C-alpha atoms as a PDB file:
ATOM      1  CA  MET A   1     -27.533  89.815 -53.815  1.00  0.00           C
ATOM      2  CA  SER A   2     -26.067  93.399 -55.334  1.00  0.00           C
ATOM      3  CA  VAL A   3     -23.588  92.801 -52.159  1.00  0.00           C
ATOM      4  CA  SER A   4     -22.809  89.547 -53.103  1.00  0.00           C
ATOM      5  CA  ILE A   5     -21.843  90.562 -56.685  1.00  0.00           C
ATOM      6  CA  ALA A   6     -20.093  93.872 -54.924  1.00  0.00           C
ATOM      7  CA  VAL A   7     -18.150  90.824 -52.974  1.00  0.00           C
ATOM      8  CA  VAL A   8     -16.837  88.713 -55.859  1.00  0.00           C
ATOM      9  CA  PHE A   9     -15.636  91.679 -58.147  1.00  0.00           C
ATOM     10  CA  ALA A  10     -13.788  92.805 -55.318  1.00  0.00           C
ATOM     11  CA  LEU A  11     -12.348  89.694 -55.014  1.00  0.00           C
ATOM     12  CA  ILE A  12     -11.234  89.436 -59.042  1.00  0.00           C
ATOM     13  CA  ALA A  13     -10.019  93.479 -57.965  1.00  0.00           C
ATOM     14  CA  GLY A  14      -7.896  92.051 -55.291  1.00  0.00           C
ATOM     15  CA  VAL A  15      -5.881  89.248 -57.208  1.00  0.00           C
ATOM     16  CA  PHE A  16      -5.452  91.686 -59.852  1.00  0.00           C
ATOM     17  CA  ASN A  17      -3.760  94.366 -57.719  1.00  0.00           C
ATOM     18  CA  GLY A  18      -1.940  91.056 -55.471  1.00  0.00           C
ATOM     19  CA  SER A  19      -0.686  89.984 -58.713  1.00  0.00           C
ATOM     20  CA  PHE A  20       0.573  93.586 -60.438  1.00  0.00           C
ATOM     21  CA  THR A  21       3.836  93.521 -58.795  1.00  0.00           C
ATOM     22  CA  ALA A  22       4.421  89.695 -59.682  1.00  0.00           C
ATOM     23  CA  PRO A  23       5.829  90.376 -62.924  1.00  0.00           C
ATOM     24  CA  SER A  24       8.887  92.551 -62.259  1.00  0.00           C
ATOM     25  CA  LYS A  25      11.213  89.405 -60.600  1.00  0.00           C
ATOM     26  CA  TYR A  26      10.978  88.110 -64.294  1.00  0.00           C
ATOM     27  CA  ILE A  27      12.649  91.467 -65.815  1.00  0.00           C
ATOM     28  CA  HIS A  28      16.004  90.778 -66.064  1.00  0.00           C
ATOM     29  CA  SER A  29      17.134  93.719 -68.723  1.00  0.00           C
ATOM     30  CA  PHE A  30      15.853  96.814 -66.943  1.00  0.00           C
ATOM     31  CA  SER A  31      17.061  98.338 -63.756  1.00  0.00           C
ATOM     32  CA  HIS A  32      14.905  98.668 -60.569  1.00  0.00           C
ATOM     33  CA  ALA A  33      14.030 102.309 -61.295  1.00  0.00           C
ATOM     34  CA  LYS A  34      13.756 101.674 -64.740  1.00  0.00           C
ATOM     35  CA  ILE A  35      11.007  98.948 -64.002  1.00  0.00           C
ATOM     36  CA  TRP A  36       9.015 101.449 -62.407  1.00  0.00           C
ATOM     37  CA  LEU A  37       9.328 104.064 -64.244  1.00  0.00           C
ATOM     38  CA  LEU A  38       7.792 102.258 -67.193  1.00  0.00           C
ATOM     39  CA  TRP A  39       4.861 101.004 -64.895  1.00  0.00           C
ATOM     40  CA  CYS A  40       4.148 104.373 -63.996  1.00  0.00           C
ATOM     41  CA  PHE A  41       3.866 105.412 -67.586  1.00  0.00           C
ATOM     42  CA  PHE A  42       1.380 101.869 -68.467  1.00  0.00           C
ATOM     43  CA  GLY A  43      -0.280 101.854 -65.460  1.00  0.00           C
ATOM     44  CA  LEU A  44      -0.927 105.537 -64.071  1.00  0.00           C
ATOM     45  CA  PHE A  45      -1.266 106.794 -67.640  1.00  0.00           C
ATOM     46  CA  PHE A  46      -1.314 104.632 -70.899  1.00  0.00           C
ATOM     47  CA  VAL A  47      -3.754 102.268 -69.890  1.00  0.00           C
ATOM     48  CA  PRO A  48      -6.175 104.485 -67.910  1.00  0.00           C
ATOM     49  CA  MET A  49      -6.545 107.015 -70.632  1.00  0.00           C
ATOM     50  CA  LEU A  50      -7.137 104.112 -73.047  1.00  0.00           C
ATOM     51  CA  ILE A  51      -9.893 102.366 -71.565  1.00  0.00           C
ATOM     52  CA  THR A  52     -11.293 105.848 -70.262  1.00  0.00           C
ATOM     53  CA  VAL A  53     -11.429 107.343 -74.128  1.00  0.00           C
ATOM     54  CA  PHE A  54     -13.384 104.129 -75.046  1.00  0.00           C
ATOM     55  CA  SER A  55     -15.531 103.274 -71.974  1.00  0.00           C
ATOM     56  CA  GLY A  56     -17.794 105.209 -74.498  1.00  0.00           C
ATOM     57  CA  SER A  57     -18.880 108.307 -72.450  1.00  0.00           C
ATOM     58  CA  ASP A  58     -17.997 112.408 -73.760  1.00  0.00           C
ATOM     59  CA  VAL A  59     -14.913 112.786 -70.886  1.00  0.00           C
ATOM     60  CA  LEU A  60     -14.889 115.917 -71.690  1.00  0.00           C
ATOM     61  CA  TYR A  61     -18.467 116.646 -70.925  1.00  0.00           C
ATOM     62  CA  VAL A  62     -18.061 114.586 -67.561  1.00  0.00           C
ATOM     63  CA  LEU A  63     -14.971 116.529 -66.544  1.00  0.00           C
ATOM     64  CA  THR A  64     -16.704 120.043 -67.221  1.00  0.00           C
ATOM     65  CA  ASN A  65     -20.125 119.369 -65.160  1.00  0.00           C
ATOM     66  CA  THR A  66     -19.247 117.836 -62.042  1.00  0.00           C
ATOM     67  CA  PRO A  67     -18.473 120.135 -59.125  1.00  0.00           C
ATOM     68  CA  ILE A  68     -14.743 121.039 -58.778  1.00  0.00           C
ATOM     69  CA  ILE A  69     -14.188 120.034 -55.449  1.00  0.00           C
ATOM     70  CA  SER A  70     -14.973 116.087 -56.331  1.00  0.00           C
ATOM     71  CA  LEU A  71     -12.470 116.748 -59.062  1.00  0.00           C
ATOM     72  CA  LEU A  72     -10.080 117.816 -56.719  1.00  0.00           C
ATOM     73  CA  THR A  73     -10.976 114.924 -53.959  1.00  0.00           C
ATOM     74  CA  LEU A  74     -10.040 112.712 -56.777  1.00  0.00           C
ATOM     75  CA  PHE A  75      -6.760 114.092 -58.178  1.00  0.00           C
ATOM     76  CA  VAL A  76      -5.630 115.280 -54.567  1.00  0.00           C
ATOM     77  CA  GLY A  77      -6.282 111.663 -53.138  1.00  0.00           C
ATOM     78  CA  GLY A  78      -4.465 109.976 -55.870  1.00  0.00           C
ATOM     79  CA  VAL A  79      -1.551 112.076 -55.521  1.00  0.00           C
ATOM     80  CA  ILE A  80      -1.400 111.401 -51.583  1.00  0.00           C
ATOM     81  CA  TYR A  81      -1.314 107.626 -52.885  1.00  0.00           C
ATOM     82  CA  GLY A  82       1.090 108.401 -55.516  1.00  0.00           C
ATOM     83  CA  ILE A  83       3.363 109.697 -52.378  1.00  0.00           C
ATOM     84  CA  GLY A  84       2.110 106.246 -51.074  1.00  0.00           C
ATOM     85  CA  LEU A  85       2.967 103.937 -54.051  1.00  0.00           C
ATOM     86  CA  ILE A  86       6.347 105.035 -53.470  1.00  0.00           C
ATOM     87  CA  PHE A  87       6.760 104.520 -49.793  1.00  0.00           C
ATOM     88  CA  PHE A  88       5.337 100.895 -51.050  1.00  0.00           C
ATOM     89  CA  ILE A  89       7.662 100.121 -53.660  1.00  0.00           C
ATOM     90  CA  LEU A  90      10.669 101.375 -51.518  1.00  0.00           C
ATOM     91  CA  SER A  91       9.611  98.795 -48.752  1.00  0.00           C
ATOM     92  CA  PHE A  92      10.146  95.819 -51.269  1.00  0.00           C
ATOM     93  CA  HIS A  93      13.915  95.629 -50.637  1.00  0.00           C
ATOM     94  CA  ARG A  94      13.695  96.161 -46.898  1.00  0.00           C
ATOM     95  CA  ILE A  95      10.389  93.713 -45.834  1.00  0.00           C
ATOM     96  CA  GLY A  96      10.081  91.708 -49.040  1.00  0.00           C
ATOM     97  CA  ILE A  97       6.306  91.981 -51.265  1.00  0.00           C
ATOM     98  CA  ALA A  98       4.180  89.720 -49.683  1.00  0.00           C
ATOM     99  CA  LEU A  99       4.855  91.553 -46.152  1.00  0.00           C
ATOM    100  CA  GLY A 100       4.730  95.092 -47.606  1.00  0.00           C
ATOM    101  CA  PHE A 101       1.450  94.232 -49.230  1.00  0.00           C
ATOM    102  CA  ILE A 102       0.149  93.024 -45.897  1.00  0.00           C
ATOM    103  CA  ILE A 103       1.303  95.893 -43.888  1.00  0.00           C
ATOM    104  CA  ASN A 104      -0.079  98.162 -46.230  1.00  0.00           C
ATOM    105  CA  VAL A 105      -2.947  96.636 -47.326  1.00  0.00           C
ATOM    106  CA  GLY A 106      -3.582  95.896 -43.332  1.00  0.00           C
ATOM    107  CA  THR A 107      -3.448  99.515 -42.737  1.00  0.00           C
ATOM    108  CA  GLY A 108      -5.145 100.763 -45.202  1.00  0.00           C
ATOM    109  CA  THR A 109      -8.082  98.235 -44.189  1.00  0.00           C
ATOM    110  CA  VAL A 110      -8.288  99.606 -40.860  1.00  0.00           C
ATOM    111  CA  LEU A 111      -8.262 102.818 -41.433  1.00  0.00           C
ATOM    112  CA  ALA A 112     -10.886 102.898 -44.328  1.00  0.00           C
ATOM    113  CA  SER A 113     -13.422 100.409 -42.357  1.00  0.00           C
ATOM    114  CA  LEU A 114     -13.165 102.698 -39.252  1.00  0.00           C
ATOM    115  CA  PHE A 115     -13.911 105.883 -41.433  1.00  0.00           C
ATOM    116  CA  GLY A 116     -16.880 103.483 -43.216  1.00  0.00           C
ATOM    117  CA  LEU A 117     -18.116 102.502 -39.881  1.00  0.00           C
ATOM    118  CA  LEU A 118     -18.434 106.148 -38.708  1.00  0.00           C
ATOM    119  CA  SER A 119     -20.401 106.914 -42.038  1.00  0.00           C
ATOM    120  CA  VAL A 120     -22.961 104.752 -41.783  1.00  0.00           C
ATOM    121  CA  GLU A 121     -26.042 105.674 -40.394  1.00  0.00           C
ATOM    122  CA  ASP A 122     -28.331 103.702 -38.431  1.00  0.00           C
ATOM    123  CA  ALA A 123     -26.053 101.026 -37.942  1.00  0.00           C
ATOM    124  CA  SER A 124     -27.209  97.666 -36.476  1.00  0.00           C
ATOM    125  CA  SER A 125     -25.746  96.533 -33.512  1.00  0.00           C
ATOM    126  CA  ARG A 126     -24.933  93.299 -34.938  1.00  0.00           C
ATOM    127  CA  PHE A 127     -23.354  95.269 -37.950  1.00  0.00           C
ATOM    128  CA  ILE A 128     -21.364  97.455 -35.500  1.00  0.00           C
ATOM    129  CA  ILE A 129     -20.197  94.257 -33.328  1.00  0.00           C
ATOM    130  CA  PHE A 130     -18.977  92.218 -36.879  1.00  0.00           C
ATOM    131  CA  GLN A 131     -17.220  95.373 -38.195  1.00  0.00           C
ATOM    132  CA  MET A 132     -14.875  95.641 -34.740  1.00  0.00           C
ATOM    133  CA  ILE A 133     -14.298  92.232 -34.839  1.00  0.00           C
ATOM    134  CA  GLY A 134     -12.793  92.156 -38.147  1.00  0.00           C
ATOM    135  CA  LEU A 135     -10.835  95.336 -37.255  1.00  0.00           C
ATOM    136  CA  VAL A 136      -9.318  93.926 -34.117  1.00  0.00           C
ATOM    137  CA  LEU A 137      -8.557  90.241 -36.078  1.00  0.00           C
ATOM    138  CA  PHE A 138      -6.791  92.649 -39.061  1.00  0.00           C
ATOM    139  CA  ILE A 139      -4.676  94.406 -36.240  1.00  0.00           C
ATOM    140  CA  ILE A 140      -3.702  91.258 -34.758  1.00  0.00           C
ATOM    141  CA  GLY A 141      -3.361  89.806 -38.353  1.00  0.00           C
ATOM    142  CA  MET A 142      -0.821  92.355 -38.749  1.00  0.00           C
ATOM    143  CA  LEU A 143       0.835  91.468 -35.748  1.00  0.00           C
ATOM    144  CA  PHE A 144       1.523  88.375 -36.437  1.00  0.00           C
ATOM    145  CA  SER A 145       2.814  89.303 -39.771  1.00  0.00           C
ATOM    146  CA  ILE A 146       5.733  91.625 -38.343  1.00  0.00           C
ATOM    147  CA  ILE A 147       6.562  89.196 -35.816  1.00  0.00           C
ATOM    148  CA  SER A 148       7.086  86.563 -38.398  1.00  0.00           C
ATOM    149  CA  GLY A 149       9.034  88.985 -40.736  1.00  0.00           C
ATOM    150  CA  LYS A 150      10.945  90.134 -38.230  1.00  0.00           C
ATOM    151  CA  LEU A 151      11.839  86.561 -37.397  1.00  0.00           C
ATOM    152  CA  ARG A 152      12.707  85.858 -40.940  1.00  0.00           C
ATOM    153  CA  GLU A 153      15.261  88.722 -40.702  1.00  0.00           C
ATOM    154  CA  ARG A 154      16.963  87.195 -38.157  1.00  0.00           C
ATOM    155  CA  GLU A 155      17.319  83.878 -39.863  1.00  0.00           C
ATOM    156  CA  LYS A 156      18.897  85.996 -42.487  1.00  0.00           C
ATOM    157  CA  GLN A 157      21.199  87.847 -40.692  1.00  0.00           C
ATOM    158  CA  ALA A 158      22.359  84.691 -38.953  1.00  0.00           C
ATOM    159  CA  GLN A 159      22.903  82.815 -41.976  1.00  0.00           C
ATOM    160  CA  ASP A 160      24.882  85.836 -43.533  1.00  0.00           C
ATOM    161  CA  ILE A 161      27.178  85.439 -40.549  1.00  0.00           C
ATOM    162  CA  LYS A 162      27.000  81.889 -41.066  1.00  0.00           C
ATOM    163  CA  HIS A 163      28.399  81.739 -45.080  1.00  0.00           C
ATOM    164  CA  THR A 164      30.271  85.004 -44.997  1.00  0.00           C
ATOM    165  CA  GLY A 165      31.284  86.074 -42.115  1.00  0.00           C
ATOM    166  CA  ARG A 166      29.273  89.223 -41.784  1.00  0.00           C
ATOM    167  CA  ILE A 167      25.831  90.835 -41.939  1.00  0.00           C
ATOM    168  CA  ILE A 168      24.627  91.383 -45.749  1.00  0.00           C
ATOM    169  CA  HIS A 169      21.016  92.354 -44.629  1.00  0.00           C
ATOM    170  CA  LYS A 170      21.906  95.686 -42.973  1.00  0.00           C
ATOM    171  CA  LYS A 171      20.531  96.503 -39.637  1.00  0.00           C
ATOM    172  CA  GLY A 172      17.281  98.552 -39.287  1.00  0.00           C
ATOM    173  CA  ALA A 173      16.705  97.953 -42.899  1.00  0.00           C
ATOM    174  CA  TYR A 174      13.802  96.254 -41.309  1.00  0.00           C
ATOM    175  CA  PHE A 175      12.211  98.419 -39.345  1.00  0.00           C
ATOM    176  CA  ILE A 176      12.676 101.175 -42.119  1.00  0.00           C
ATOM    177  CA  GLY A 177      10.676  99.170 -44.527  1.00  0.00           C
ATOM    178  CA  ILE A 178       7.779  98.644 -41.641  1.00  0.00           C
ATOM    179  CA  ILE A 179       7.682 102.060 -41.111  1.00  0.00           C
ATOM    180  CA  PHE A 180       7.576 102.457 -45.352  1.00  0.00           C
ATOM    181  CA  ALA A 181       4.758 100.270 -45.325  1.00  0.00           C
ATOM    182  CA  LEU A 182       2.829 101.806 -42.861  1.00  0.00           C
ATOM    183  CA  LEU A 183       2.961 104.793 -44.365  1.00  0.00           C
ATOM    184  CA  ALA A 184       1.997 103.461 -47.663  1.00  0.00           C
ATOM    185  CA  GLY A 185      -1.098 101.758 -46.128  1.00  0.00           C
ATOM    186  CA  VAL A 186      -2.706 105.546 -44.605  1.00  0.00           C
ATOM    187  CA  ALA A 187      -2.114 106.685 -48.334  1.00  0.00           C
ATOM    188  CA  SER A 188      -3.921 103.808 -49.704  1.00  0.00           C
ATOM    189  CA  ALA A 189      -6.958 104.441 -46.801  1.00  0.00           C
ATOM    190  CA  VAL A 190      -7.026 108.107 -48.434  1.00  0.00           C
ATOM    191  CA  GLU A 191      -7.674 106.467 -51.933  1.00  0.00           C
ATOM    192  CA  GLY A 192     -10.240 104.528 -51.398  1.00  0.00           C
ATOM    193  CA  ILE A 193     -11.729 106.751 -49.150  1.00  0.00           C
ATOM    194  CA  SER A 194     -11.239 109.909 -51.960  1.00  0.00           C
ATOM    195  CA  PHE A 195     -12.635 107.750 -55.113  1.00  0.00           C
ATOM    196  CA  SER A 196     -15.723 106.456 -52.543  1.00  0.00           C
ATOM    197  CA  LEU A 197     -16.651 110.620 -51.911  1.00  0.00           C
ATOM    198  CA  GLY A 198     -15.583 112.018 -55.475  1.00  0.00           C
ATOM    199  CA  ILE A 199     -17.221 109.172 -57.494  1.00  0.00           C
ATOM    200  CA  SER A 200     -21.089 110.188 -56.898  1.00  0.00           C
ATOM    201  CA  ASP A 201     -20.925 113.780 -58.950  1.00  0.00           C
ATOM    202  CA  ILE A 202     -18.986 111.580 -61.724  1.00  0.00           C
ATOM    203  CA  THR A 203     -21.675 108.927 -61.821  1.00  0.00           C
ATOM    204  CA  LYS A 204     -24.466 111.946 -62.150  1.00  0.00           C
ATOM    205  CA  SER A 205     -22.367 113.742 -64.494  1.00  0.00           C
ATOM    206  CA  VAL A 206     -22.112 110.315 -66.594  1.00  0.00           C
ATOM    207  CA  ALA A 207     -25.483 109.796 -66.435  1.00  0.00           C
ATOM    208  CA  ASN A 208     -26.522 113.204 -68.301  1.00  0.00           C
ATOM    209  CA  THR A 209     -24.513 112.039 -71.413  1.00  0.00           C
ATOM    210  CA  SER A 210     -26.200 111.179 -74.157  1.00  0.00           C
ATOM    211  CA  TYR A 211     -24.073 107.609 -74.074  1.00  0.00           C
ATOM    212  CA  SER A 212     -22.517 105.838 -71.803  1.00  0.00           C
ATOM    213  CA  THR A 213     -21.297 102.116 -70.441  1.00  0.00           C
ATOM    214  CA  VAL A 214     -21.265 100.548 -67.252  1.00  0.00           C
ATOM    215  CA  ILE A 215     -17.520 101.351 -67.164  1.00  0.00           C
ATOM    216  CA  SER A 216     -17.807 104.977 -68.005  1.00  0.00           C
ATOM    217  CA  PRO A 217     -18.623 106.201 -64.471  1.00  0.00           C
ATOM    218  CA  ILE A 218     -15.798 103.896 -62.785  1.00  0.00           C
ATOM    219  CA  SER A 219     -12.960 104.594 -65.307  1.00  0.00           C
ATOM    220  CA  ILE A 220     -13.376 108.420 -65.606  1.00  0.00           C
ATOM    221  CA  PRO A 221     -12.346 108.928 -61.424  1.00  0.00           C
ATOM    222  CA  TRP A 222     -10.089 106.108 -61.504  1.00  0.00           C
ATOM    223  CA  PHE A 223      -8.351 108.027 -64.341  1.00  0.00           C
ATOM    224  CA  ILE A 224      -8.212 111.369 -62.793  1.00  0.00           C
ATOM    225  CA  MET A 225      -6.699 109.764 -59.601  1.00  0.00           C
ATOM    226  CA  CYS A 226      -4.304 108.083 -61.433  1.00  0.00           C
ATOM    227  CA  ILE A 227      -3.120 111.417 -63.084  1.00  0.00           C
ATOM    228  CA  GLY A 228      -2.394 112.609 -59.529  1.00  0.00           C
ATOM    229  CA  MET A 229      -0.930 109.120 -58.414  1.00  0.00           C
ATOM    230  CA  PHE A 230       1.112 109.469 -61.970  1.00  0.00           C
ATOM    231  CA  ILE A 231       2.842 112.800 -60.794  1.00  0.00           C
ATOM    232  CA  PRO A 232       4.324 112.357 -57.856  1.00  0.00           C
ATOM    233  CA  PHE A 233       5.164 108.908 -58.845  1.00  0.00           C
ATOM    234  CA  PHE A 234       7.324 109.672 -62.478  1.00  0.00           C
ATOM    235  CA  ILE A 235       9.242 112.482 -60.624  1.00  0.00           C
ATOM    236  CA  TYR A 236      10.523 110.234 -58.182  1.00  0.00           C
ATOM    237  CA  PHE A 237      11.442 107.639 -60.639  1.00  0.00           C
ATOM    238  CA  CYS A 238      12.766 109.784 -63.506  1.00  0.00           C
ATOM    239  CA  TYR A 239      15.240 111.223 -60.319  1.00  0.00           C
ATOM    240  CA  ARG A 240      16.398 107.660 -59.522  1.00  0.00           C
ATOM    241  CA  ASN A 241      17.038 106.463 -63.465  1.00  0.00           C
ATOM    242  CA  ILE A 242      18.765 110.287 -63.648  1.00  0.00           C
ATOM    243  CA  LYS A 243      20.931 109.423 -60.812  1.00  0.00           C
ATOM    244  CA  GLN A 244      21.610 106.080 -62.206  1.00  0.00           C
ATOM    245  CA  MET A 245      23.158 107.103 -64.809  1.00  0.00           C
ATOM    246  CA  ASP A 246      25.557 108.885 -63.295  1.00  0.00           C
ATOM    247  CA  ILE A 247      26.717 105.752 -61.567  1.00  0.00           C
ATOM    248  CA  VAL A 248      28.616 102.772 -63.098  1.00  0.00           C
ATOM    249  CA  ASP A 249      26.073  99.786 -62.864  1.00  0.00           C
ATOM    250  CA  GLU A 250      28.416  96.961 -62.177  1.00  0.00           C
ATOM    251  CA  ASP A 251      25.151  94.578 -62.758  1.00  0.00           C
ATOM    252  CA  LYS A 252      24.279  96.357 -66.337  1.00  0.00           C
ATOM    253  CA  SER A 253      27.295  93.698 -68.487  1.00  0.00           C
ATOM    254  CA  LYS A 254      25.182  90.903 -66.885  1.00  0.00           C
ATOM    255  CA  ARG A 255      21.873  91.787 -68.183  1.00  0.00           C
ATOM    256  CA  LYS A 256      20.042  89.978 -70.538  1.00  0.00           C
ATOM    257  CA  LYS A 257      18.958  92.387 -73.179  1.00  0.00           C
ATOM    258  CA  ILE A 258      17.729  89.865 -75.880  1.00  0.00           C
ATOM    259  CA  ASN A 259      14.839  89.513 -72.913  1.00  0.00           C
ATOM    260  CA  THR A 260      14.306  93.407 -73.503  1.00  0.00           C
ATOM    261  CA  GLY A 261      10.904  92.907 -75.802  1.00  0.00           C
ATOM    262  CA  MET A 262       9.744  90.722 -73.154  1.00  0.00           C
ATOM    263  CA  SER A 263      10.813  92.790 -70.330  1.00  0.00           C
ATOM    264  CA  TYR A 264       8.536  96.001 -71.887  1.00  0.00           C
ATOM    265  CA  PHE A 265       5.855  93.049 -71.982  1.00  0.00           C
ATOM    266  CA  TYR A 266       5.940  92.581 -68.588  1.00  0.00           C
ATOM    267  CA  THR A 267       6.053  96.296 -67.631  1.00  0.00           C
ATOM    268  CA  LEU A 268       2.526  96.312 -69.604  1.00  0.00           C
ATOM    269  CA  ILE A 269       1.257  94.047 -67.952  1.00  0.00           C
ATOM    270  CA  MET A 270       1.964  95.233 -64.694  1.00  0.00           C
ATOM    271  CA  GLY A 271       0.282  98.508 -65.772  1.00  0.00           C
ATOM    272  CA  LEU A 272      -2.722  96.706 -66.873  1.00  0.00           C
ATOM    273  CA  LEU A 273      -2.910  94.622 -63.806  1.00  0.00           C
ATOM    274  CA  PHE A 274      -3.288  97.312 -61.792  1.00  0.00           C
ATOM    275  CA  PHE A 275      -6.273  99.626 -63.497  1.00  0.00           C
ATOM    276  CA  LEU A 276      -7.910  96.257 -64.538  1.00  0.00           C
ATOM    277  CA  ALA A 277      -7.620  95.929 -60.615  1.00  0.00           C
ATOM    278  CA  LEU A 278      -8.769  99.208 -59.723  1.00  0.00           C
ATOM    279  CA  ILE A 279     -11.773  98.645 -62.337  1.00  0.00           C
ATOM    280  CA  SER A 280     -13.121  95.749 -60.729  1.00  0.00           C
ATOM    281  CA  TYR A 281     -13.242  97.279 -57.600  1.00  0.00           C
ATOM    282  CA  GLY A 282     -15.110 100.349 -59.008  1.00  0.00           C
ATOM    283  CA  LEU A 283     -17.685  97.824 -59.821  1.00  0.00           C
ATOM    284  CA  SER A 284     -17.928  96.293 -56.853  1.00  0.00           C
ATOM    285  CA  THR A 285     -18.736  99.839 -55.350  1.00  0.00           C
ATOM    286  CA  ARG A 286     -21.621  99.959 -57.197  1.00  0.00           C
ATOM    287  CA  TYR A 287     -23.038  97.151 -55.856  1.00  0.00           C
ATOM    288  CA  ALA A 288     -22.176  97.742 -52.411  1.00  0.00           C
ATOM    289  CA  GLY A 289     -23.500 101.062 -52.001  1.00  0.00           C
ATOM    290  CA  VAL A 290     -23.144 102.342 -48.443  1.00  0.00           C
ATOM    291  CA  TYR A 291     -21.176  99.272 -47.554  1.00  0.00           C
ATOM    292  CA  THR A 292     -18.494 100.207 -50.162  1.00  0.00           C
ATOM    293  CA  ASN A 293     -15.775 100.821 -47.241  1.00  0.00           C
ATOM    294  CA  THR A 294     -17.138  98.287 -44.824  1.00  0.00           C
ATOM    295  CA  ILE A 295     -17.309  95.486 -47.005  1.00  0.00           C
ATOM    296  CA  ALA A 296     -15.819  95.745 -50.530  1.00  0.00           C
ATOM    297  CA  TRP A 297     -13.093  97.750 -49.791  1.00  0.00           C
ATOM    298  CA  PRO A 298     -11.938  94.907 -47.001  1.00  0.00           C
ATOM    299  CA  THR A 299     -13.146  92.570 -49.723  1.00  0.00           C
ATOM    300  CA  PHE A 300     -10.351  93.774 -51.495  1.00  0.00           C
ATOM    301  CA  MET A 301      -7.659  94.110 -49.403  1.00  0.00           C
ATOM    302  CA  ILE A 302      -7.559  90.728 -48.095  1.00  0.00           C
ATOM    303  CA  PHE A 303      -7.618  89.146 -51.357  1.00  0.00           C
ATOM    304  CA  ILE A 304      -4.632  91.418 -52.036  1.00  0.00           C
ATOM    305  CA  ILE A 305      -2.784  90.273 -49.467  1.00  0.00           C
ATOM    306  CA  LEU A 306      -3.762  86.575 -50.124  1.00  0.00           C
ATOM    307  CA  THR A 307      -2.758  86.501 -53.755  1.00  0.00           C
ATOM    308  CA  SER A 308       0.715  88.847 -53.323  1.00  0.00           C
ATOM    309  CA  ASN A 309       1.501  86.251 -50.426  1.00  0.00           C
ATOM    310  CA  PHE A 310       0.758  83.365 -53.076  1.00  0.00           C
ATOM    311  CA  TRP A 311       3.229  85.251 -55.573  1.00  0.00           C
ATOM    312  CA  GLY A 312       5.785  85.997 -52.784  1.00  0.00           C
ATOM    313  CA  TRP A 313       5.720  81.944 -51.252  1.00  0.00           C
ATOM    314  CA  LEU A 314       6.255  80.995 -55.375  1.00  0.00           C
ATOM    315  CA  GLN A 315       8.963  83.237 -56.173  1.00  0.00           C
ATOM    316  CA  GLY A 316      11.050  82.161 -53.098  1.00  0.00           C
ATOM    317  CA  GLU A 317      10.838  85.274 -50.704  1.00  0.00           C
ATOM    318  CA  TRP A 318      10.365  82.676 -47.662  1.00  0.00           C
ATOM    319  CA  ARG A 319      12.655  80.253 -48.987  1.00  0.00           C
ATOM    320  CA  GLY A 320      14.991  78.919 -46.270  1.00  0.00           C
ATOM    321  CA  ALA A 321      12.722  80.361 -43.384  1.00  0.00           C
ATOM    322  CA  SER A 322      12.177  78.666 -40.073  1.00  0.00           C
ATOM    323  CA  LYS A 323       8.894  76.679 -39.398  1.00  0.00           C
ATOM    324  CA  LEU A 324       8.393  78.942 -36.586  1.00  0.00           C
ATOM    325  CA  SER A 325       8.145  82.509 -38.961  1.00  0.00           C
ATOM    326  CA  ALA A 326       6.552  80.514 -41.842  1.00  0.00           C
ATOM    327  CA  MET A 327       3.783  79.023 -39.486  1.00  0.00           C
ATOM    328  CA  MET A 328       3.290  82.596 -37.957  1.00  0.00           C
ATOM    329  CA  LEU A 329       2.407  83.634 -41.304  1.00  0.00           C
ATOM    330  CA  ILE A 330      -0.090  81.167 -42.382  1.00  0.00           C
ATOM    331  CA  VAL A 331      -1.547  81.789 -38.820  1.00  0.00           C
ATOM    332  CA  SER A 332      -1.822  85.566 -39.898  1.00  0.00           C
ATOM    333  CA  LEU A 333      -3.353  84.924 -43.349  1.00  0.00           C
ATOM    334  CA  VAL A 334      -6.016  82.630 -41.454  1.00  0.00           C
ATOM    335  CA  ILE A 335      -6.937  85.344 -39.044  1.00  0.00           C
ATOM    336  CA  PHE A 336      -7.276  87.805 -42.244  1.00  0.00           C
ATOM    337  CA  ILE A 337      -9.404  85.006 -43.936  1.00  0.00           C
ATOM    338  CA  ILE A 338     -11.667  84.714 -40.529  1.00  0.00           C
ATOM    339  CA  ALA A 339     -11.878  88.905 -40.378  1.00  0.00           C
ATOM    340  CA  GLU A 340     -13.104  89.241 -43.949  1.00  0.00           C
ATOM    341  CA  VAL A 341     -15.771  86.231 -43.043  1.00  0.00           C
ATOM    342  CA  PHE A 342     -16.751  88.755 -39.934  1.00  0.00           C
ATOM    343  CA  PHE A 343     -16.989  91.882 -42.460  1.00  0.00           C
ATOM    344  CA  SER A 344     -18.831  89.910 -45.316  1.00  0.00           C
ATOM    345  CA  PHE A 345     -21.605  89.137 -42.635  1.00  0.00           C
ATOM    346  CA  SER A 346     -21.874  92.129 -41.008  1.00  0.00           C
ATOM    347  CA  SER A 347     -24.438  93.200 -43.316  1.00  0.00           C
ATOM    348  CA  ILE A 348     -26.783  89.990 -43.662  1.00  0.00           C
END
């Protein structure tokens, strides 16, 4: 029963996380760098701090009574994931949000699940076999997605030549985007592993406080990780914004300044979705226990993939793609779903 509840929370977390970038497509009054700088403030500082402070626990007591090694594990894991988030955002313009999510999430799932598989003691042969099948299927699904994206890239270049006589989409950009998404995936695995290693001592400290809620032992470790994420992300996008101030922005006059208020609202929603995804995943880990890295994490990842691809299709990322490239992407999504079935049933 507890594993089933863990899967439900992981599903909710995946939907939230897979949706957090979607509102950026509707922001027209801010530059790309400003959107992500504002998201950094809302999603990695303001919303986490607000939810943590009102989570119903003595945060200062928890922080001062938790072993420093656990706090550092969470913080350093956050810094690494913050760097990974930068690569993740940079991959969007090269391979698209949907494919960026697939490669990032797929890599993170495989690495974190391997770590979980090695850390589970006295695992049954059924558990090991089902987990390994799930991992192999995830890798196959990623390969299908990469090939599908490459076909779409060639189709875009052919359309560029047909309509303009030159290639607008730079050669090599797709490969760089893949590398960026892979690096983000490695950082994503570090995030999941760091959280699973650091949360136990936080939970013990919260239990010793006079009052706490079910959110307290989850929001506090995520807040620590978000502070770690915030530092590299904030520095990089501050640099990008300062750099843009020295460049004449040809699109500035075209931006719809009347929608500035809605743009701030959309970035707030982006930040809220991101942190609520972390909270939901944290709730999932409470019920998953030793199966956090082998069931909760893969479920979280697969629903990020499905949700982000839903938004990708809805927002036209695959508009004009051939039937072959679209079909290969669909096949990859089906493979991911089958992999999730193996992950979920490995503990039964």
